[in-house]
Amino acid sequence: MFSTYAYKLRWSFRKNWPDIQGIFLKKYPDFVFNSSPSSLDNQVPVFVFHSVDPITFEEQLLYLKKNDYKTLNADELFQILKGKKSLPERSVALTFDDGVASLYSVAWPLLKKYEYQAISFLIPGCIPDDAPASASFDDYLSGQVAFEKLLEREQGDFPLCSWQEINEIHQSGEIDFQAHTMYHHLVNVSPKVVDYINPNFDFYFYANVHVPVYYEEGTPNYKRDVASGTPVYRAEPRMRGVPQYFDNEDVRKACVDFVKGKGRASFFMKVDWRQQLKKHHQRQGEKFGLGTYESQSEMRDNILWDFKTCKKEIEKNISGKKVEHFCFPWFIGSDTAVELARQAGFRSLYWGVLPDRKCNSAHDNPLHIVRIEDRFLHLLPGAGRRSLPQVVSEKVSKYLPIFKKRLQNAR
């Protein structure tokens, strides 16, 4: 059980620590810490969204509208950073990672209502061609469904927007679609085992993105639908620029077969299932040996393939779309990835909080665009502004119960 806890905590830490550090070390934009800011000092805050609900998101757009803020698309922000376009006063960018279903059911209708635009970073290898009809924003406005119904699809079989929905949004013009890697995937980087696939493993709510990509007879399994008992090795995002470790498939198969022979799902009900599986894994490792690593040149080729392919697939599936801007999954990239992104034709790269930049200004490097959480939007200068303690308290109140539930499931 400790390994499962550790795995969940590690990824929560990796993604949230830069934000925590940004608060305590004051790495966030100055307006976050100023109790009564009057201007943005010629800076462009870029906010990160994922799933949105209609109440919270409308409050955010209403705040922007009442305080005369403008929104930018990716090309406009790029031109401002390059010094080729003047910066309109009170400009921000709203970015949506992953393209989850509420982008279609919630974000898009509200962006249209308030005449705002946003940028969405897509994962083309995970996007379905179409999806079953679900509750619409009009259903919510008419009182036919509660707002929770608009988010229900994200917990089902179609958690991401379909290409059909994406094209519908694109034709309307409110959302600028760009790239977020081909599969948003992790790669094993070490033979160190951190967990085993089990019924309570944190697969994530779409595409099993917390499961590293394994090779099966030389072919990568990008669906990540691996069998129970599969050893989970220490992993990193592909764009982290670390050579992939290819585990020994004979060892992996032996672990999966061991679980099958012990009753499959019922095996994981045993108190000592992890100890049993760990011992078996060690024996098989001694029998079959360790795996291998990809070379530096192979790693570079695979990263470049990802950049080129995700760009090509989005342009193929969205009529008339040119993709030149990229966002790093988990906010994690590398110097190697930056170099290869430029080689693939990307002009700007989006991250999370960065150590050497608080915000984005004219003549800043567009390959290192800083983004902060959407909840800090209410700290922008303006009437009705919230305080930093209030924003932090709201975050803790919202996410602490979710985090506790995730850990309770790690048994």
Protein backbone atom coordinates (compact mmCIF):
# COMPACT_ATOMS: atom_id res chain seq x y z
CA MET A 1 0.00 0.00 0.00
CA PHE A 2 2.87 2.39 0.76
CA SER A 3 4.10 2.13 -2.84
CA THR A 4 0.70 3.18 -4.17
CA TYR A 5 0.60 6.10 -1.73
CA ALA A 6 4.11 7.09 -2.75
CA TYR A 7 3.25 6.92 -6.46
CA LYS A 8 0.21 9.16 -6.04
CA LEU A 9 2.07 11.58 -3.77
CA ARG A 10 5.01 11.77 -6.15
CA TRP A 11 2.92 12.89 -9.09
CA SER A 12 0.85 15.29 -6.99
CA PHE A 13 4.12 16.75 -5.72
CA ARG A 14 5.69 16.99 -9.18
CA LYS A 15 2.74 18.90 -10.57
CA ASN A 16 1.85 21.08 -7.57
CA TRP A 17 5.23 21.83 -6.00
CA PRO A 18 6.15 24.62 -8.50
CA ASP A 19 2.89 26.38 -7.60
CA ILE A 20 3.50 25.98 -3.86
CA GLN A 21 7.05 27.19 -4.33
CA GLY A 22 5.80 30.06 -6.45
CA ILE A 23 3.66 31.29 -3.58
CA PHE A 24 6.22 30.98 -0.80
CA LEU A 25 9.20 32.23 -2.83
CA LYS A 26 7.12 34.88 -4.61
CA LYS A 27 7.80 33.49 -8.08
CA TYR A 28 4.29 34.39 -9.19
CA PRO A 29 3.48 37.68 -10.97
CA ASP A 30 3.61 40.77 -8.77
CA PHE A 31 -0.16 41.35 -8.94
CA VAL A 32 -0.67 38.10 -6.99
CA PHE A 33 1.08 39.49 -3.91
CA ASN A 34 0.12 43.16 -4.16
CA SER A 35 -2.91 43.84 -1.95
CA SER A 36 -4.20 46.58 -4.28
CA PRO A 37 -2.56 46.42 -7.73
CA SER A 38 -3.65 49.05 -10.21
CA SER A 39 -2.08 47.67 -13.39
CA LEU A 40 -0.31 44.67 -14.89
CA ASP A 41 2.86 46.68 -15.63
CA ASN A 42 2.87 45.65 -19.29
CA GLN A 43 2.76 41.96 -18.49
CA VAL A 44 0.53 39.22 -19.94
CA PRO A 45 -0.65 36.61 -17.39
CA VAL A 46 -1.44 33.24 -18.93
CA PHE A 47 -3.88 31.07 -16.98
CA VAL A 48 -4.17 27.26 -17.00
CA PHE A 49 -7.56 25.52 -17.11
CA HIS A 50 -8.47 21.86 -17.41
CA SER A 51 -12.04 20.85 -16.61
CA VAL A 52 -14.41 23.74 -15.85
CA ASP A 53 -17.85 24.00 -14.31
CA PRO A 54 -20.35 26.66 -15.46
CA ILE A 55 -20.62 28.50 -12.15
CA THR A 56 -16.90 28.99 -11.48
CA PHE A 57 -15.95 29.67 -15.10
CA GLU A 58 -18.72 32.21 -15.62
CA GLU A 59 -17.61 34.03 -12.44
CA GLN A 60 -14.12 34.24 -13.90
CA LEU A 61 -15.25 35.52 -17.31
CA LEU A 62 -17.62 37.99 -15.68
CA TYR A 63 -14.72 39.34 -13.60
CA LEU A 64 -12.65 39.81 -16.75
CA LYS A 65 -15.52 41.51 -18.57
CA LYS A 66 -16.41 43.90 -15.73
CA ASN A 67 -12.78 44.98 -15.48
CA ASP A 68 -12.22 45.47 -19.22
CA TYR A 69 -9.78 42.62 -19.85
CA LYS A 70 -8.96 41.35 -23.32
CA THR A 71 -8.01 37.79 -24.26
CA LEU A 72 -5.34 36.70 -26.73
CA ASN A 73 -4.93 33.72 -29.02
CA ALA A 74 -1.58 31.96 -29.46
CA ASP A 75 -0.49 33.91 -32.55
CA GLU A 76 -1.30 37.25 -30.89
CA LEU A 77 0.65 36.37 -27.76
CA PHE A 78 3.60 35.21 -29.87
CA GLN A 79 3.65 38.48 -31.82
CA ILE A 80 3.57 40.48 -28.56
CA LEU A 81 6.44 38.50 -27.06
CA LYS A 82 8.48 38.99 -30.23
CA GLY A 83 7.84 42.74 -30.06
CA LYS A 84 6.01 42.71 -33.40
CA LYS A 85 2.61 43.67 -31.97
CA SER A 86 1.74 46.24 -29.33
CA LEU A 87 0.35 44.95 -26.04
CA PRO A 88 -3.28 45.96 -25.47
CA GLU A 89 -3.85 47.17 -21.92
CA ARG A 90 -5.15 44.49 -19.54
CA SER A 91 -4.51 41.51 -21.81
CA VAL A 92 -4.53 37.88 -20.63
CA ALA A 93 -4.49 34.44 -22.24
CA LEU A 94 -6.76 31.58 -21.18
CA THR A 95 -5.31 28.13 -21.93
CA PHE A 96 -7.06 24.77 -21.67
CA ASP A 97 -4.95 21.63 -21.45
CA ASP A 98 -6.02 18.24 -22.85
CA GLY A 99 -9.32 19.19 -24.54
CA VAL A 100 -11.61 17.50 -22.02
CA ALA A 101 -15.35 17.33 -22.72
CA SER A 102 -16.31 20.39 -20.64
CA LEU A 103 -14.39 22.49 -23.16
CA TYR A 104 -17.32 21.80 -25.48
CA SER A 105 -20.19 21.69 -22.97
CA VAL A 106 -19.15 24.57 -20.70
CA ALA A 107 -16.14 26.65 -21.77
CA TRP A 108 -17.09 27.23 -25.39
CA PRO A 109 -20.68 28.44 -24.76
CA LEU A 110 -19.48 30.83 -22.06
CA LEU A 111 -16.62 32.16 -24.16
CA LYS A 112 -19.17 32.93 -26.87
CA LYS A 113 -21.47 34.63 -24.38
CA TYR A 114 -18.76 36.98 -23.12
CA GLU A 115 -17.05 37.37 -26.52
CA TYR A 116 -13.74 36.00 -25.33
CA GLN A 117 -11.23 33.62 -26.87
CA ALA A 118 -9.00 30.88 -25.47
CA ILE A 119 -6.25 28.47 -26.49
CA SER A 120 -6.69 24.70 -26.17
CA PHE A 121 -3.83 22.20 -26.35
CA LEU A 122 -4.92 18.87 -27.84
CA ILE A 123 -3.67 15.27 -27.61
CA PRO A 124 -4.59 13.99 -31.10
CA GLY A 125 -3.67 10.35 -30.45
CA CYS A 126 -6.37 10.13 -27.75
CA ILE A 127 -9.21 12.00 -29.50
CA PRO A 128 -12.23 10.04 -30.79
CA ASP A 129 -13.80 10.87 -34.15
CA ASP A 130 -17.17 11.49 -32.54
CA ALA A 131 -18.93 11.01 -29.21
CA PRO A 132 -22.48 10.22 -28.04
CA ALA A 133 -24.76 13.20 -27.47
CA SER A 134 -24.75 14.40 -23.87
CA ALA A 135 -26.25 17.21 -21.81
CA SER A 136 -25.73 20.61 -23.42
CA PHE A 137 -25.29 24.07 -21.99
CA ASP A 138 -28.77 24.96 -23.24
CA ASP A 139 -30.14 22.05 -21.18
CA TYR A 140 -28.44 23.57 -18.15
CA LEU A 141 -29.74 27.09 -18.85
CA SER A 142 -33.29 25.84 -19.25
CA GLY A 143 -33.12 24.04 -15.91
CA GLN A 144 -33.47 20.57 -17.44
CA VAL A 145 -30.19 19.36 -15.93
CA ALA A 146 -27.95 20.31 -12.99
CA PHE A 147 -24.49 21.65 -13.80
CA GLU A 148 -22.94 18.37 -12.62
CA LYS A 149 -24.57 16.72 -15.63
CA LEU A 150 -22.40 18.84 -17.94
CA LEU A 151 -19.29 17.28 -16.39
CA GLU A 152 -20.58 13.71 -16.19
CA ARG A 153 -19.11 12.67 -19.53
CA GLU A 154 -15.57 13.34 -18.30
CA GLN A 155 -15.91 10.38 -15.94
CA GLY A 156 -17.24 8.06 -18.65
CA ASP A 157 -16.03 6.46 -21.87
CA PHE A 158 -15.69 9.74 -23.80
CA PRO A 159 -13.86 12.16 -21.47
CA LEU A 160 -12.26 14.15 -24.29
CA CYS A 161 -13.82 16.31 -27.00
CA SER A 162 -14.30 14.51 -30.30
CA TRP A 163 -12.91 15.74 -33.61
CA GLN A 164 -16.47 16.55 -34.65
CA GLU A 165 -16.90 18.82 -31.61
CA ILE A 166 -13.45 20.34 -32.03
CA ASN A 167 -14.21 21.27 -35.64
CA GLU A 168 -17.51 22.80 -34.61
CA ILE A 169 -15.72 24.96 -32.06
CA HIS A 170 -12.96 25.83 -34.53
CA GLN A 171 -15.44 27.07 -37.13
CA SER A 172 -16.97 29.38 -34.53
CA GLY A 173 -13.57 30.93 -33.76
CA GLU A 174 -13.56 31.27 -29.98
CA ILE A 175 -10.88 28.64 -29.31
CA ASP A 176 -7.45 28.39 -30.91
CA PHE A 177 -6.39 24.73 -31.02
CA GLN A 178 -2.71 23.88 -30.63
CA ALA A 179 -0.57 20.88 -29.62
CA HIS A 180 -0.02 18.97 -26.34
CA THR A 181 2.01 15.94 -27.58
CA MET A 182 0.62 12.99 -29.47
CA TYR A 183 -0.32 10.80 -26.49
CA HIS A 184 0.49 12.77 -23.29
CA HIS A 185 2.58 9.81 -22.18
CA LEU A 186 5.12 8.73 -19.61
CA VAL A 187 8.11 6.50 -20.36
CA ASN A 188 9.85 4.16 -17.94
CA VAL A 189 13.33 5.52 -17.16
CA SER A 190 14.67 3.02 -14.60
CA PRO A 191 14.36 -0.65 -13.56
CA LYS A 192 13.29 0.56 -10.10
CA VAL A 193 9.74 -0.69 -9.41
CA VAL A 194 7.45 1.88 -7.76
CA ASP A 195 4.17 -0.04 -7.97
CA TYR A 196 2.24 -2.78 -9.80
CA ILE A 197 -0.89 -2.35 -11.89
CA ASN A 198 -3.78 -3.23 -9.58
CA PRO A 199 -7.51 -2.39 -9.31
CA ASN A 200 -6.77 0.71 -7.20
CA PHE A 201 -3.99 2.07 -9.39
CA ASP A 202 -4.45 5.76 -10.26
CA PHE A 203 -5.04 5.39 -14.01
CA TYR A 204 -6.33 8.98 -14.34
CA PHE A 205 -9.72 9.91 -15.74
CA TYR A 206 -8.75 9.68 -19.40
CA ALA A 207 -6.44 7.57 -21.59
CA ASN A 208 -4.68 5.87 -18.62
CA VAL A 209 -2.09 8.66 -18.74
CA HIS A 210 -0.55 7.71 -15.38
CA VAL A 211 0.44 4.33 -16.86
CA PRO A 212 3.79 4.46 -18.70
CA VAL A 213 3.90 3.29 -22.31
CA TYR A 214 5.17 -0.29 -22.55
CA TYR A 215 6.48 -2.01 -25.66
CA GLU A 216 4.82 -5.27 -26.64
CA GLU A 217 6.89 -7.27 -29.11
CA GLY A 218 8.57 -4.07 -30.25
CA THR A 219 5.36 -2.03 -30.61
CA PRO A 220 4.45 0.76 -28.16
CA ASN A 221 1.08 0.33 -26.45
CA TYR A 222 -0.17 3.91 -26.47
CA LYS A 223 -3.59 2.83 -25.19
CA ARG A 224 -1.84 1.91 -21.94
CA ASP A 225 -4.40 -0.84 -21.29
CA VAL A 226 -1.89 -3.10 -19.57
CA ALA A 227 -2.77 -6.17 -17.48
CA SER A 228 -2.93 -6.38 -13.70
CA GLY A 229 0.37 -7.39 -12.17
CA THR A 230 2.44 -5.37 -14.65
CA PRO A 231 5.42 -3.81 -12.84
CA VAL A 232 5.31 -0.01 -12.84
CA TYR A 233 8.82 1.39 -13.06
CA ARG A 234 10.04 4.86 -12.28
CA ALA A 235 8.78 7.02 -15.13
CA GLU A 236 9.04 10.54 -16.52
CA PRO A 237 7.13 12.51 -19.16
CA ARG A 238 8.47 11.84 -22.64
CA MET A 239 9.40 15.51 -23.04
CA ARG A 240 11.59 15.37 -19.94
CA GLY A 241 14.32 14.20 -22.31
CA VAL A 242 15.43 11.08 -20.40
CA PRO A 243 16.21 7.82 -22.28
CA GLN A 244 13.44 5.25 -22.04
CA TYR A 245 13.96 2.00 -20.17
CA PHE A 246 12.52 -1.01 -22.02
CA ASP A 247 11.65 -3.60 -19.41
CA ASN A 248 12.19 -7.31 -20.00
CA GLU A 249 8.89 -8.54 -21.46
CA ASP A 250 9.46 -12.05 -20.09
CA VAL A 251 9.62 -10.64 -16.56
CA ARG A 252 6.49 -8.59 -17.14
CA LYS A 253 4.57 -11.55 -18.58
CA ALA A 254 5.62 -13.74 -15.65
CA CYS A 255 4.21 -11.19 -13.19
CA VAL A 256 0.93 -10.95 -15.10
CA ASP A 257 0.65 -14.75 -15.26
CA PHE A 258 1.39 -14.96 -11.54
CA VAL A 259 -1.60 -12.71 -10.78
CA LYS A 260 -3.83 -14.73 -13.11
CA GLY A 261 -2.82 -17.95 -11.39
CA LYS A 262 -3.55 -16.47 -7.98
CA GLY A 263 -7.14 -15.56 -8.80
CA ARG A 264 -6.82 -12.30 -10.77
CA ALA A 265 -8.85 -9.59 -8.97
CA SER A 266 -9.28 -11.69 -5.82
CA PHE A 267 -5.48 -11.81 -5.44
CA PHE A 268 -5.41 -8.08 -4.67
CA MET A 269 -7.76 -8.61 -1.73
CA LYS A 270 -5.00 -10.40 0.13
CA VAL A 271 -3.15 -8.32 2.71
CA ASP A 272 0.25 -9.44 1.47
CA TRP A 273 -0.41 -9.35 -2.29
CA ARG A 274 2.28 -6.76 -2.85
CA GLN A 275 4.93 -8.71 -0.96
CA GLN A 276 4.07 -11.87 -2.90
CA LEU A 277 4.25 -10.11 -6.24
CA LYS A 278 7.46 -8.30 -5.34
CA LYS A 279 9.20 -11.58 -4.46
CA HIS A 280 7.98 -13.20 -7.68
CA HIS A 281 9.14 -10.20 -9.68
CA GLN A 282 12.60 -10.39 -8.11
CA ARG A 283 12.89 -14.09 -8.92
CA GLN A 284 11.87 -13.53 -12.53
CA GLY A 285 14.33 -10.67 -12.82
CA GLU A 286 17.13 -12.95 -11.69
CA LYS A 287 15.96 -15.55 -14.20
CA PHE A 288 15.45 -13.39 -17.30
CA GLY A 289 17.61 -10.35 -16.56
CA LEU A 290 17.08 -6.60 -16.84
CA GLY A 291 15.81 -4.71 -19.85
CA THR A 292 17.59 -2.19 -22.08
CA TYR A 293 17.68 1.56 -22.66
CA GLU A 294 17.14 3.57 -25.80
CA SER A 295 20.19 5.46 -27.03
CA GLN A 296 20.43 9.26 -26.97
CA SER A 297 19.89 9.37 -30.73
CA GLU A 298 16.86 7.09 -30.48
CA MET A 299 15.44 9.27 -27.71
CA ARG A 300 15.85 12.39 -29.83
CA ASP A 301 14.25 10.68 -32.84
CA ASN A 302 11.27 9.58 -30.73
CA ILE A 303 10.74 13.03 -29.23
CA LEU A 304 11.01 14.68 -32.64
CA TRP A 305 8.53 12.15 -34.03
CA ASP A 306 6.08 13.12 -31.29
CA PHE A 307 6.37 16.83 -32.06
CA LYS A 308 5.99 16.37 -35.80
CA THR A 309 3.19 13.80 -35.58
CA CYS A 310 0.96 15.66 -33.12
CA LYS A 311 1.28 18.82 -35.23
CA LYS A 312 0.48 16.93 -38.43
CA GLU A 313 -2.50 15.08 -36.92
CA ILE A 314 -4.17 18.22 -35.58
CA GLU A 315 -3.72 20.01 -38.90
CA LYS A 316 -5.12 16.97 -40.72
CA ASN A 317 -8.20 16.74 -38.53
CA ILE A 318 -9.06 20.46 -38.26
CA SER A 319 -9.80 22.02 -41.62
CA GLY A 320 -7.58 24.98 -42.42
CA LYS A 321 -5.70 24.87 -39.11
CA LYS A 322 -2.02 25.78 -38.77
CA VAL A 323 -0.39 24.47 -35.57
CA GLU A 324 2.73 26.34 -34.39
CA HIS A 325 2.39 26.45 -30.60
CA PHE A 326 2.95 23.69 -28.07
CA CYS A 327 2.28 23.02 -24.38
CA PHE A 328 4.30 20.59 -22.23
CA PRO A 329 2.23 17.94 -20.39
CA TRP A 330 2.72 18.02 -16.61
CA PHE A 331 4.47 21.39 -17.27
CA ILE A 332 7.69 19.37 -17.71
CA GLY A 333 10.08 19.78 -20.64
CA SER A 334 13.83 19.93 -21.25
CA ASP A 335 16.47 21.72 -23.28
CA THR A 336 16.43 18.77 -25.69
CA ALA A 337 12.67 19.10 -26.13
CA VAL A 338 12.92 22.85 -26.74
CA GLU A 339 15.53 22.29 -29.44
CA LEU A 340 13.51 19.57 -31.15
CA ALA A 341 10.24 21.54 -30.89
CA ARG A 342 11.83 24.36 -32.86
CA GLN A 343 13.10 21.84 -35.40
CA ALA A 344 9.53 20.52 -35.78
CA GLY A 345 8.21 24.01 -36.54
CA PHE A 346 6.85 25.23 -33.20
CA ARG A 347 7.31 28.94 -32.50
CA SER A 348 6.19 29.13 -28.88
CA LEU A 349 6.20 26.72 -25.94
CA TYR A 350 3.95 26.85 -22.89
CA TRP A 351 5.03 25.63 -19.45
CA GLY A 352 3.78 26.15 -15.88
CA VAL A 353 5.59 28.18 -13.23
CA LEU A 354 9.25 28.75 -14.17
CA PRO A 355 12.06 29.66 -11.75
CA ASP A 356 13.47 32.61 -13.68
CA ARG A 357 10.31 34.32 -14.96
CA LYS A 358 7.30 35.55 -13.03
CA CYS A 359 5.16 36.52 -16.00
CA ASN A 360 5.31 37.26 -19.73
CA SER A 361 6.32 40.60 -21.26
CA ALA A 362 7.19 42.00 -24.66
CA HIS A 363 10.57 40.71 -25.91
CA ASP A 364 10.50 37.70 -23.57
CA ASN A 365 11.49 34.35 -25.05
CA PRO A 366 8.31 32.74 -26.53
CA LEU A 367 9.89 29.31 -25.97
CA HIS A 368 9.38 29.73 -22.21
CA ILE A 369 5.86 31.04 -21.68
CA VAL A 370 4.90 31.08 -17.99
CA ARG A 371 1.43 29.98 -16.90
CA ILE A 372 -0.32 30.05 -13.53
CA GLU A 373 -3.43 28.37 -12.17
CA ASP A 374 -6.81 29.74 -13.21
CA ARG A 375 -7.83 30.44 -9.59
CA PHE A 376 -5.35 33.36 -9.50
CA LEU A 377 -7.40 35.12 -12.16
CA HIS A 378 -9.44 36.73 -9.37
CA LEU A 379 -6.26 38.43 -8.13
CA LEU A 380 -5.95 40.49 -11.31
CA PRO A 381 -6.32 44.23 -10.73
CA GLY A 382 -9.98 45.23 -10.73
CA ALA A 383 -13.21 45.76 -8.87
CA GLY A 384 -14.28 42.74 -6.83
CA ARG A 385 -10.72 41.43 -6.54
CA ARG A 386 -10.16 38.65 -4.02
CA SER A 387 -7.26 38.35 -1.59
CA LEU A 388 -4.41 35.84 -1.85
CA PRO A 389 -5.35 34.09 1.45
CA GLN A 390 -8.91 33.74 0.17
CA VAL A 391 -7.76 32.18 -3.11
CA VAL A 392 -5.38 29.75 -1.37
CA SER A 393 -8.08 28.79 1.15
CA GLU A 394 -10.54 28.09 -1.68
CA LYS A 395 -8.00 25.81 -3.36
CA VAL A 396 -7.36 23.83 -0.18
CA SER A 397 -11.09 23.51 0.54
CA LYS A 398 -11.77 22.21 -2.95
CA TYR A 399 -8.87 19.80 -3.42
CA LEU A 400 -8.22 18.40 0.04
CA PRO A 401 -11.32 16.13 -0.02
CA ILE A 402 -10.42 14.97 -3.54
CA PHE A 403 -6.86 14.20 -2.50
CA LYS A 404 -8.01 12.30 0.60
CA LYS A 405 -10.37 10.20 -1.52
CA ARG A 406 -7.58 9.31 -3.95
CA LEU A 407 -5.37 8.16 -1.11
CA GLN A 408 -8.19 6.15 0.47
CA ASN A 409 -8.49 4.25 -2.81
CA ALA A 410 -4.80 3.36 -2.72
CA ARG A 411 -5.19 0.08 -0.87
